[in-house]
Amino acid sequence: MLYLVKMDVDIPSHLSAADVETAKATEKARAQELQCDGRWVHLWRVVGRYSNYSVFDVDSNDDLHDILQTLPLYPYMQIEVTPLAQHPSALTVSSK
């Protein structure tokens, strides 16, 4: 199943710079792991904001929820999820 996910990040100002940098580095590693295994299909930054739009290809709502909770910056995110379906006018057909 495909999902469009918007993530807005708001890291609290009380966190130390070292903690923020550690969280960002760990987040990057986790995001790249999920991209390499094919579950995080697309990742785009929103210009001028600490936000992204992503497409995930996972088995279920619960699977996506579990994945999102593994992101180190998850506690500081506002997340919007939109399930996607194949459009009948699309030139390509999803593999799942």
PDB file of N, CA and C in Angstrom:
ATOM      1  N   MET A   1       0.842  -1.183   0.000  1.00  0.00           N
ATOM      2  CA  MET A   1       0.000   0.000   0.000  1.00  0.00           C
ATOM      3  C   MET A   1       0.885   1.243   0.000  1.00  0.00           C
ATOM      4  N   LEU A   2       0.467   2.235  -0.775  1.00  0.00           N
ATOM      5  CA  LEU A   2       1.217   3.481  -0.841  1.00  0.00           C
ATOM      6  C   LEU A   2       0.580   4.541   0.049  1.00  0.00           C
ATOM      7  N   TYR A   3       1.437   5.314   0.698  1.00  0.00           N
ATOM      8  CA  TYR A   3       0.989   6.389   1.574  1.00  0.00           C
ATOM      9  C   TYR A   3       1.808   7.635   1.294  1.00  0.00           C
ATOM     10  N   LEU A   4       1.131   8.774   1.182  1.00  0.00           N
ATOM     11  CA  LEU A   4       1.789  10.069   1.147  1.00  0.00           C
ATOM     12  C   LEU A   4       1.825  10.569   2.587  1.00  0.00           C
ATOM     13  N   VAL A   5       3.013  10.897   3.059  1.00  0.00           N
ATOM     14  CA  VAL A   5       3.177  11.309   4.457  1.00  0.00           C
ATOM     15  C   VAL A   5       3.858  12.676   4.492  1.00  0.00           C
ATOM     16  N   LYS A   6       3.221  13.620   5.166  1.00  0.00           N
ATOM     17  CA  LYS A   6       3.831  14.930   5.391  1.00  0.00           C
ATOM     18  C   LYS A   6       4.311  14.967   6.832  1.00  0.00           C
ATOM     19  N   MET A   7       5.571  15.315   7.005  1.00  0.00           N
ATOM     20  CA  MET A   7       6.165  15.406   8.334  1.00  0.00           C
ATOM     21  C   MET A   7       6.674  16.822   8.559  1.00  0.00           C
ATOM     22  N   ASP A   8       6.148  17.470   9.588  1.00  0.00           N
ATOM     23  CA  ASP A   8       6.630  18.780  10.026  1.00  0.00           C
ATOM     24  C   ASP A   8       7.378  18.563  11.335  1.00  0.00           C
ATOM     25  N   VAL A   9       8.620  19.007  11.384  1.00  0.00           N
ATOM     26  CA  VAL A   9       9.459  18.787  12.560  1.00  0.00           C
ATOM     27  C   VAL A   9       9.581  20.085  13.353  1.00  0.00           C
ATOM     28  N   ASP A  10       9.412  19.982  14.672  1.00  0.00           N
ATOM     29  CA  ASP A  10       9.542  21.130  15.576  1.00  0.00           C
ATOM     30  C   ASP A  10      10.328  20.669  16.805  1.00  0.00           C
ATOM     31  N   ILE A  11      11.642  20.782  16.718  1.00  0.00           N
ATOM     32  CA  ILE A  11      12.508  20.357  17.814  1.00  0.00           C
ATOM     33  C   ILE A  11      12.471  21.413  18.918  1.00  0.00           C
ATOM     34  N   PRO A  12      12.215  20.997  20.155  1.00  0.00           N
ATOM     35  CA  PRO A  12      12.143  21.958  21.263  1.00  0.00           C
ATOM     36  C   PRO A  12      13.474  22.687  21.478  1.00  0.00           C
ATOM     37  N   SER A  13      13.380  23.932  21.826  1.00  0.00           N
ATOM     38  CA  SER A  13      14.583  24.749  22.020  1.00  0.00           C
ATOM     39  C   SER A  13      15.380  24.346  23.260  1.00  0.00           C
ATOM     40  N   HIS A  14      14.774  23.597  24.175  1.00  0.00           N
ATOM     41  CA  HIS A  14      15.489  23.220  25.393  1.00  0.00           C
ATOM     42  C   HIS A  14      16.479  22.064  25.173  1.00  0.00           C
ATOM     43  N   LEU A  15      16.422  21.405  24.018  1.00  0.00           N
ATOM     44  CA  LEU A  15      17.392  20.334  23.753  1.00  0.00           C
ATOM     45  C   LEU A  15      18.757  20.934  23.440  1.00  0.00           C
ATOM     46  N   SER A  16      19.785  20.280  23.902  1.00  0.00           N
ATOM     47  CA  SER A  16      21.144  20.778  23.636  1.00  0.00           C
ATOM     48  C   SER A  16      21.482  20.596  22.163  1.00  0.00           C
ATOM     49  N   ALA A  17      22.398  21.406  21.693  1.00  0.00           N
ATOM     50  CA  ALA A  17      22.838  21.312  20.296  1.00  0.00           C
ATOM     51  C   ALA A  17      23.398  19.921  20.002  1.00  0.00           C
ATOM     52  N   ALA A  18      24.115  19.348  20.963  1.00  0.00           N
ATOM     53  CA  ALA A  18      24.683  18.010  20.774  1.00  0.00           C
ATOM     54  C   ALA A  18      23.581  16.959  20.638  1.00  0.00           C
ATOM     55  N   ASP A  19      22.544  17.060  21.466  1.00  0.00           N
ATOM     56  CA  ASP A  19      21.428  16.120  21.375  1.00  0.00           C
ATOM     57  C   ASP A  19      20.694  16.247  20.051  1.00  0.00           C
ATOM     58  N   VAL A  20      20.533  17.475  19.584  1.00  0.00           N
ATOM     59  CA  VAL A  20      19.856  17.712  18.303  1.00  0.00           C
ATOM     60  C   VAL A  20      20.670  17.107  17.165  1.00  0.00           C
ATOM     61  N   GLU A  21      21.964  17.334  17.166  1.00  0.00           N
ATOM     62  CA  GLU A  21      22.816  16.799  16.095  1.00  0.00           C
ATOM     63  C   GLU A  21      22.826  15.268  16.112  1.00  0.00           C
ATOM     64  N   THR A  22      22.849  14.676  17.292  1.00  0.00           N
ATOM     65  CA  THR A  22      22.799  13.218  17.408  1.00  0.00           C
ATOM     66  C   THR A  22      21.480  12.688  16.860  1.00  0.00           C
ATOM     67  N   ALA A  23      20.379  13.325  17.223  1.00  0.00           N
ATOM     68  CA  ALA A  23      19.057  12.899  16.741  1.00  0.00           C
ATOM     69  C   ALA A  23      18.965  13.029  15.220  1.00  0.00           C
ATOM     70  N   LYS A  24      19.485  14.123  14.665  1.00  0.00           N
ATOM     71  CA  LYS A  24      19.450  14.319  13.216  1.00  0.00           C
ATOM     72  C   LYS A  24      20.283  13.258  12.492  1.00  0.00           C
ATOM     73  N   ALA A  25      21.448  12.937  13.017  1.00  0.00           N
ATOM     74  CA  ALA A  25      22.303  11.929  12.388  1.00  0.00           C
ATOM     75  C   ALA A  25      21.649  10.548  12.444  1.00  0.00           C
ATOM     76  N   THR A  26      21.043  10.222  13.578  1.00  0.00           N
ATOM     77  CA  THR A  26      20.361   8.943  13.729  1.00  0.00           C
ATOM     78  C   THR A  26      19.132   8.891  12.826  1.00  0.00           C
ATOM     79  N   GLU A  27      18.416   9.988  12.713  1.00  0.00           N
ATOM     80  CA  GLU A  27      17.258  10.091  11.820  1.00  0.00           C
ATOM     81  C   GLU A  27      17.669   9.851  10.369  1.00  0.00           C
ATOM     82  N   LYS A  28      18.768  10.475   9.954  1.00  0.00           N
ATOM     83  CA  LYS A  28      19.246  10.306   8.583  1.00  0.00           C
ATOM     84  C   LYS A  28      19.584   8.847   8.308  1.00  0.00           C
ATOM     85  N   ALA A  29      20.266   8.206   9.233  1.00  0.00           N
ATOM     86  CA  ALA A  29      20.630   6.802   9.061  1.00  0.00           C
ATOM     87  C   ALA A  29      19.382   5.919   8.955  1.00  0.00           C
ATOM     88  N   ARG A  30      18.387   6.170   9.789  1.00  0.00           N
ATOM     89  CA  ARG A  30      17.156   5.377   9.751  1.00  0.00           C
ATOM     90  C   ARG A  30      16.394   5.618   8.445  1.00  0.00           C
ATOM     91  N   ALA A  31      16.315   6.869   8.011  1.00  0.00           N
ATOM     92  CA  ALA A  31      15.635   7.191   6.751  1.00  0.00           C
ATOM     93  C   ALA A  31      16.324   6.499   5.576  1.00  0.00           C
ATOM     94  N   GLN A  32      17.632   6.491   5.571  1.00  0.00           N
ATOM     95  CA  GLN A  32      18.360   5.847   4.479  1.00  0.00           C
ATOM     96  C   GLN A  32      18.184   4.332   4.514  1.00  0.00           C
ATOM     97  N   GLU A  33      18.133   3.753   5.686  1.00  0.00           N
ATOM     98  CA  GLU A  33      17.878   2.314   5.826  1.00  0.00           C
ATOM     99  C   GLU A  33      16.510   1.955   5.231  1.00  0.00           C
ATOM    100  N   LEU A  34      15.489   2.745   5.552  1.00  0.00           N
ATOM    101  CA  LEU A  34      14.143   2.492   5.041  1.00  0.00           C
ATOM    102  C   LEU A  34      14.052   2.724   3.536  1.00  0.00           C
ATOM    103  N   GLN A  35      14.845   3.665   3.014  1.00  0.00           N
ATOM    104  CA  GLN A  35      14.891   3.885   1.568  1.00  0.00           C
ATOM    105  C   GLN A  35      15.577   2.710   0.871  1.00  0.00           C
ATOM    106  N   CYS A  36      16.658   2.245   1.447  1.00  0.00           N
ATOM    107  CA  CYS A  36      17.399   1.132   0.840  1.00  0.00           C
ATOM    108  C   CYS A  36      16.580  -0.154   0.809  1.00  0.00           C
ATOM    109  N   ASP A  37      15.733  -0.377   1.805  1.00  0.00           N
ATOM    110  CA  ASP A  37      14.947  -1.614   1.802  1.00  0.00           C
ATOM    111  C   ASP A  37      13.630  -1.467   1.042  1.00  0.00           C
ATOM    112  N   GLY A  38      13.387  -0.270   0.450  1.00  0.00           N
ATOM    113  CA  GLY A  38      12.255  -0.084  -0.434  1.00  0.00           C
ATOM    114  C   GLY A  38      10.964   0.365   0.218  1.00  0.00           C
ATOM    115  N   ARG A  39      10.958   0.550   1.533  1.00  0.00           N
ATOM    116  CA  ARG A  39       9.714   0.982   2.183  1.00  0.00           C
ATOM    117  C   ARG A  39       9.503   2.489   2.097  1.00  0.00           C
ATOM    118  N   TRP A  40      10.586   3.270   2.106  1.00  0.00           N
ATOM    119  CA  TRP A  40      10.494   4.730   1.974  1.00  0.00           C
ATOM    120  C   TRP A  40      10.873   5.040   0.535  1.00  0.00           C
ATOM    121  N   VAL A  41       9.862   5.155  -0.327  1.00  0.00           N
ATOM    122  CA  VAL A  41      10.057   5.205  -1.772  1.00  0.00           C
ATOM    123  C   VAL A  41      10.547   6.567  -2.255  1.00  0.00           C
ATOM    124  N   HIS A  42       9.994   7.640  -1.710  1.00  0.00           N
ATOM    125  CA  HIS A  42      10.368   8.999  -2.110  1.00  0.00           C
ATOM    126  C   HIS A  42      10.468   9.878  -0.871  1.00  0.00           C
ATOM    127  N   LEU A  43      11.384  10.847  -0.944  1.00  0.00           N
ATOM    128  CA  LEU A  43      11.581  11.797   0.160  1.00  0.00           C
ATOM    129  C   LEU A  43      11.922  13.153  -0.438  1.00  0.00           C
ATOM    130  N   TRP A  44      11.038  14.138  -0.208  1.00  0.00           N
ATOM    131  CA  TRP A  44      11.245  15.486  -0.720  1.00  0.00           C
ATOM    132  C   TRP A  44      11.178  16.493   0.416  1.00  0.00           C
ATOM    133  N   ARG A  45      12.100  17.429   0.410  1.00  0.00           N
ATOM    134  CA  ARG A  45      12.110  18.519   1.382  1.00  0.00           C
ATOM    135  C   ARG A  45      11.139  19.602   0.933  1.00  0.00           C
ATOM    136  N   VAL A  46      10.470  20.247   1.884  1.00  0.00           N
ATOM    137  CA  VAL A  46       9.621  21.403   1.605  1.00  0.00           C
ATOM    138  C   VAL A  46      10.509  22.642   1.754  1.00  0.00           C
ATOM    139  N   VAL A  47      10.635  23.390   0.692  1.00  0.00           N
ATOM    140  CA  VAL A  47      11.531  24.553   0.675  1.00  0.00           C
ATOM    141  C   VAL A  47      11.112  25.563   1.744  1.00  0.00           C
ATOM    142  N   GLY A  48      12.096  25.993   2.526  1.00  0.00           N
ATOM    143  CA  GLY A  48      11.874  27.034   3.519  1.00  0.00           C
ATOM    144  C   GLY A  48      11.270  26.553   4.828  1.00  0.00           C
ATOM    145  N   ARG A  49      11.082  25.241   4.985  1.00  0.00           N
ATOM    146  CA  ARG A  49      10.484  24.716   6.210  1.00  0.00           C
ATOM    147  C   ARG A  49      11.255  23.473   6.642  1.00  0.00           C
ATOM    148  N   TYR A  50      11.123  23.114   7.901  1.00  0.00           N
ATOM    149  CA  TYR A  50      11.691  21.852   8.387  1.00  0.00           C
ATOM    150  C   TYR A  50      10.594  20.807   8.235  1.00  0.00           C
ATOM    151  N   SER A  51      10.315  20.462   6.986  1.00  0.00           N
ATOM    152  CA  SER A  51       9.225  19.558   6.634  1.00  0.00           C
ATOM    153  C   SER A  51       9.623  18.720   5.429  1.00  0.00           C
ATOM    154  N   ASN A  52       8.909  17.611   5.268  1.00  0.00           N
ATOM    155  CA  ASN A  52       9.099  16.813   4.063  1.00  0.00           C
ATOM    156  C   ASN A  52       7.792  16.159   3.661  1.00  0.00           C
ATOM    157  N   TYR A  53       7.733  15.807   2.388  1.00  0.00           N
ATOM    158  CA  TYR A  53       6.693  14.931   1.856  1.00  0.00           C
ATOM    159  C   TYR A  53       7.387  13.648   1.457  1.00  0.00           C
ATOM    160  N   SER A  54       6.803  12.542   1.854  1.00  0.00           N
ATOM    161  CA  SER A  54       7.391  11.247   1.577  1.00  0.00           C
ATOM    162  C   SER A  54       6.329  10.296   1.064  1.00  0.00           C
ATOM    163  N   VAL A  55       6.774   9.299   0.308  1.00  0.00           N
ATOM    164  CA  VAL A  55       5.898   8.212  -0.101  1.00  0.00           C
ATOM    165  C   VAL A  55       6.470   6.935   0.478  1.00  0.00           C
ATOM    166  N   PHE A  56       5.619   6.201   1.200  1.00  0.00           N
ATOM    167  CA  PHE A  56       5.986   4.910   1.773  1.00  0.00           C
ATOM    168  C   PHE A  56       5.221   3.811   1.046  1.00  0.00           C
ATOM    169  N   ASP A  57       5.856   2.675   0.852  1.00  0.00           N
ATOM    170  CA  ASP A  57       5.221   1.496   0.271  1.00  0.00           C
ATOM    171  C   ASP A  57       5.339   0.380   1.301  1.00  0.00           C
ATOM    172  N   VAL A  58       4.265   0.186   2.070  1.00  0.00           N
ATOM    173  CA  VAL A  58       4.269  -0.770   3.183  1.00  0.00           C
ATOM    174  C   VAL A  58       3.001  -1.626   3.124  1.00  0.00           C
ATOM    175  N   ASP A  59       2.938  -2.642   3.959  1.00  0.00           N
ATOM    176  CA  ASP A  59       1.853  -3.613   3.896  1.00  0.00           C
ATOM    177  C   ASP A  59       0.532  -3.136   4.497  1.00  0.00           C
ATOM    178  N   SER A  60       0.585  -2.234   5.480  1.00  0.00           N
ATOM    179  CA  SER A  60      -0.660  -1.888   6.175  1.00  0.00           C
ATOM    180  C   SER A  60      -0.526  -0.563   6.923  1.00  0.00           C
ATOM    181  N   ASN A  61      -1.669  -0.073   7.403  1.00  0.00           N
ATOM    182  CA  ASN A  61      -1.675   1.122   8.253  1.00  0.00           C
ATOM    183  C   ASN A  61      -0.806   0.900   9.482  1.00  0.00           C
ATOM    184  N   ASP A  62      -0.953  -0.257  10.094  1.00  0.00           N
ATOM    185  CA  ASP A  62      -0.177  -0.562  11.300  1.00  0.00           C
ATOM    186  C   ASP A  62       1.311  -0.601  11.012  1.00  0.00           C
ATOM    187  N   ASP A  63       1.686  -1.153   9.849  1.00  0.00           N
ATOM    188  CA  ASP A  63       3.094  -1.204   9.467  1.00  0.00           C
ATOM    189  C   ASP A  63       3.659   0.207   9.344  1.00  0.00           C
ATOM    190  N   LEU A  64       2.922   1.099   8.681  1.00  0.00           N
ATOM    191  CA  LEU A  64       3.380   2.489   8.554  1.00  0.00           C
ATOM    192  C   LEU A  64       3.501   3.142   9.927  1.00  0.00           C
ATOM    193  N   HIS A  65       2.509   2.952  10.765  1.00  0.00           N
ATOM    194  CA  HIS A  65       2.543   3.537  12.114  1.00  0.00           C
ATOM    195  C   HIS A  65       3.781   3.065  12.876  1.00  0.00           C
ATOM    196  N   ASP A  66       4.049   1.773  12.823  1.00  0.00           N
ATOM    197  CA  ASP A  66       5.218   1.220  13.520  1.00  0.00           C
ATOM    198  C   ASP A  66       6.517   1.808  12.977  1.00  0.00           C
ATOM    199  N   ILE A  67       6.599   1.959  11.658  1.00  0.00           N
ATOM    200  CA  ILE A  67       7.804   2.535  11.042  1.00  0.00           C
ATOM    201  C   ILE A  67       7.996   3.980  11.484  1.00  0.00           C
ATOM    202  N   LEU A  68       6.938   4.761  11.423  1.00  0.00           N
ATOM    203  CA  LEU A  68       7.051   6.176  11.797  1.00  0.00           C
ATOM    204  C   LEU A  68       7.510   6.334  13.240  1.00  0.00           C
ATOM    205  N   GLN A  69       7.053   5.454  14.110  1.00  0.00           N
ATOM    206  CA  GLN A  69       7.458   5.539  15.516  1.00  0.00           C
ATOM    207  C   GLN A  69       8.930   5.207  15.731  1.00  0.00           C
ATOM    208  N   THR A  70       9.580   4.565  14.756  1.00  0.00           N
ATOM    209  CA  THR A  70      11.013   4.254  14.892  1.00  0.00           C
ATOM    210  C   THR A  70      11.903   5.437  14.528  1.00  0.00           C
ATOM    211  N   LEU A  71      11.315   6.497  13.964  1.00  0.00           N
ATOM    212  CA  LEU A  71      12.123   7.656  13.584  1.00  0.00           C
ATOM    213  C   LEU A  71      12.536   8.427  14.832  1.00  0.00           C
ATOM    214  N   PRO A  72      13.823   8.709  14.992  1.00  0.00           N
ATOM    215  CA  PRO A  72      14.293   9.405  16.194  1.00  0.00           C
ATOM    216  C   PRO A  72      13.629  10.767  16.434  1.00  0.00           C
ATOM    217  N   LEU A  73      13.236  11.451  15.362  1.00  0.00           N
ATOM    218  CA  LEU A  73      12.592  12.757  15.527  1.00  0.00           C
ATOM    219  C   LEU A  73      11.070  12.645  15.646  1.00  0.00           C
ATOM    220  N   TYR A  74      10.536  11.440  15.663  1.00  0.00           N
ATOM    221  CA  TYR A  74       9.090  11.227  15.752  1.00  0.00           C
ATOM    222  C   TYR A  74       8.428  12.013  16.891  1.00  0.00           C
ATOM    223  N   PRO A  75       9.030  12.075  18.083  1.00  0.00           N
ATOM    224  CA  PRO A  75       8.373  12.829  19.170  1.00  0.00           C
ATOM    225  C   PRO A  75       8.194  14.317  18.870  1.00  0.00           C
ATOM    226  N   TYR A  76       8.927  14.825  17.882  1.00  0.00           N
ATOM    227  CA  TYR A  76       8.890  16.247  17.565  1.00  0.00           C
ATOM    228  C   TYR A  76       8.188  16.524  16.237  1.00  0.00           C
ATOM    229  N   MET A  77       7.435  15.547  15.728  1.00  0.00           N
ATOM    230  CA  MET A  77       6.785  15.672  14.419  1.00  0.00           C
ATOM    231  C   MET A  77       5.276  15.815  14.529  1.00  0.00           C
ATOM    232  N   GLN A  78       4.746  16.610  13.624  1.00  0.00           N
ATOM    233  CA  GLN A  78       3.324  16.601  13.311  1.00  0.00           C
ATOM    234  C   GLN A  78       3.248  15.852  11.983  1.00  0.00           C
ATOM    235  N   ILE A  79       2.439  14.795  11.921  1.00  0.00           N
ATOM    236  CA  ILE A  79       2.413  13.921  10.752  1.00  0.00           C
ATOM    237  C   ILE A  79       1.001  13.856  10.187  1.00  0.00           C
ATOM    238  N   GLU A  80       0.917  13.984   8.864  1.00  0.00           N
ATOM    239  CA  GLU A  80      -0.338  13.792   8.143  1.00  0.00           C
ATOM    240  C   GLU A  80      -0.135  12.639   7.166  1.00  0.00           C
ATOM    241  N   VAL A  81      -1.046  11.678   7.178  1.00  0.00           N
ATOM    242  CA  VAL A  81      -0.943  10.500   6.322  1.00  0.00           C
ATOM    243  C   VAL A  81      -2.133  10.462   5.370  1.00  0.00           C
ATOM    244  N   THR A  82      -1.849  10.248   4.088  1.00  0.00           N
ATOM    245  CA  THR A  82      -2.885  10.106   3.076  1.00  0.00           C
ATOM    246  C   THR A  82      -2.662   8.795   2.335  1.00  0.00           C
ATOM    247  N   PRO A  83      -3.586   7.820   2.478  1.00  0.00           N
ATOM    248  CA  PRO A  83      -3.474   6.583   1.700  1.00  0.00           C
ATOM    249  C   PRO A  83      -3.673   6.898   0.211  1.00  0.00           C
ATOM    250  N   LEU A  84      -2.910   6.229  -0.640  1.00  0.00           N
ATOM    251  CA  LEU A  84      -2.976   6.460  -2.079  1.00  0.00           C
ATOM    252  C   LEU A  84      -3.480   5.213  -2.802  1.00  0.00           C
ATOM    253  N   ALA A  85      -4.188   5.430  -3.902  1.00  0.00           N
ATOM    254  CA  ALA A  85      -4.670   4.340  -4.746  1.00  0.00           C
ATOM    255  C   ALA A  85      -4.278   4.636  -6.192  1.00  0.00           C
ATOM    256  N   GLN A  86      -4.137   3.583  -6.971  1.00  0.00           N
ATOM    257  CA  GLN A  86      -3.789   3.737  -8.377  1.00  0.00           C
ATOM    258  C   GLN A  86      -4.876   4.530  -9.101  1.00  0.00           C
ATOM    259  N   HIS A  87      -4.481   5.503  -9.905  1.00  0.00           N
ATOM    260  CA  HIS A  87      -5.428   6.289 -10.694  1.00  0.00           C
ATOM    261  C   HIS A  87      -5.635   5.588 -12.031  1.00  0.00           C
ATOM    262  N   PRO A  88      -6.866   5.472 -12.485  1.00  0.00           N
ATOM    263  CA  PRO A  88      -7.117   4.730 -13.723  1.00  0.00           C
ATOM    264  C   PRO A  88      -6.507   5.382 -14.967  1.00  0.00           C
ATOM    265  N   SER A  89      -6.148   6.651 -14.908  1.00  0.00           N
ATOM    266  CA  SER A  89      -5.527   7.327 -16.072  1.00  0.00           C
ATOM    267  C   SER A  89      -4.009   7.327 -16.018  1.00  0.00           C
ATOM    268  N   ALA A  90      -3.438   6.756 -14.961  1.00  0.00           N
ATOM    269  CA  ALA A  90      -1.978   6.731 -14.835  1.00  0.00           C
ATOM    270  C   ALA A  90      -1.367   5.822 -15.895  1.00  0.00           C
ATOM    271  N   LEU A  91      -0.204   6.193 -16.400  1.00  0.00           N
ATOM    272  CA  LEU A  91       0.490   5.396 -17.420  1.00  0.00           C
ATOM    273  C   LEU A  91       1.113   4.131 -16.833  1.00  0.00           C
ATOM    274  N   THR A  92       1.529   4.191 -15.573  1.00  0.00           N
ATOM    275  CA  THR A  92       2.177   3.036 -14.955  1.00  0.00           C
ATOM    276  C   THR A  92       1.285   2.451 -13.894  1.00  0.00           C
ATOM    277  N   VAL A  93       1.478   1.169 -13.642  1.00  0.00           N
ATOM    278  CA  VAL A  93       0.689   0.464 -12.640  1.00  0.00           C
ATOM    279  C   VAL A  93       1.613   0.120 -11.484  1.00  0.00           C
ATOM    280  N   SER A  94       1.149   0.369 -10.249  1.00  0.00           N
ATOM    281  CA  SER A  94       1.920   0.044  -9.058  1.00  0.00           C
ATOM    282  C   SER A  94       2.211  -1.438  -9.013  1.00  0.00           C
ATOM    283  N   SER A  95       3.376  -1.795  -8.451  1.00  0.00           N
ATOM    284  CA  SER A  95       3.760  -3.216  -8.361  1.00  0.00           C
ATOM    285  C   SER A  95       3.028  -3.950  -7.274  1.00  0.00           C
ATOM    286  N   LYS A  96       2.383  -3.234  -6.339  1.00  0.00           N
ATOM    287  CA  LYS A  96       1.693  -3.922  -5.240  1.00  0.00           C
ATOM    288  C   LYS A  96       0.200  -3.754  -5.354  1.00  0.00           C
TER     289      LYS A  96
END
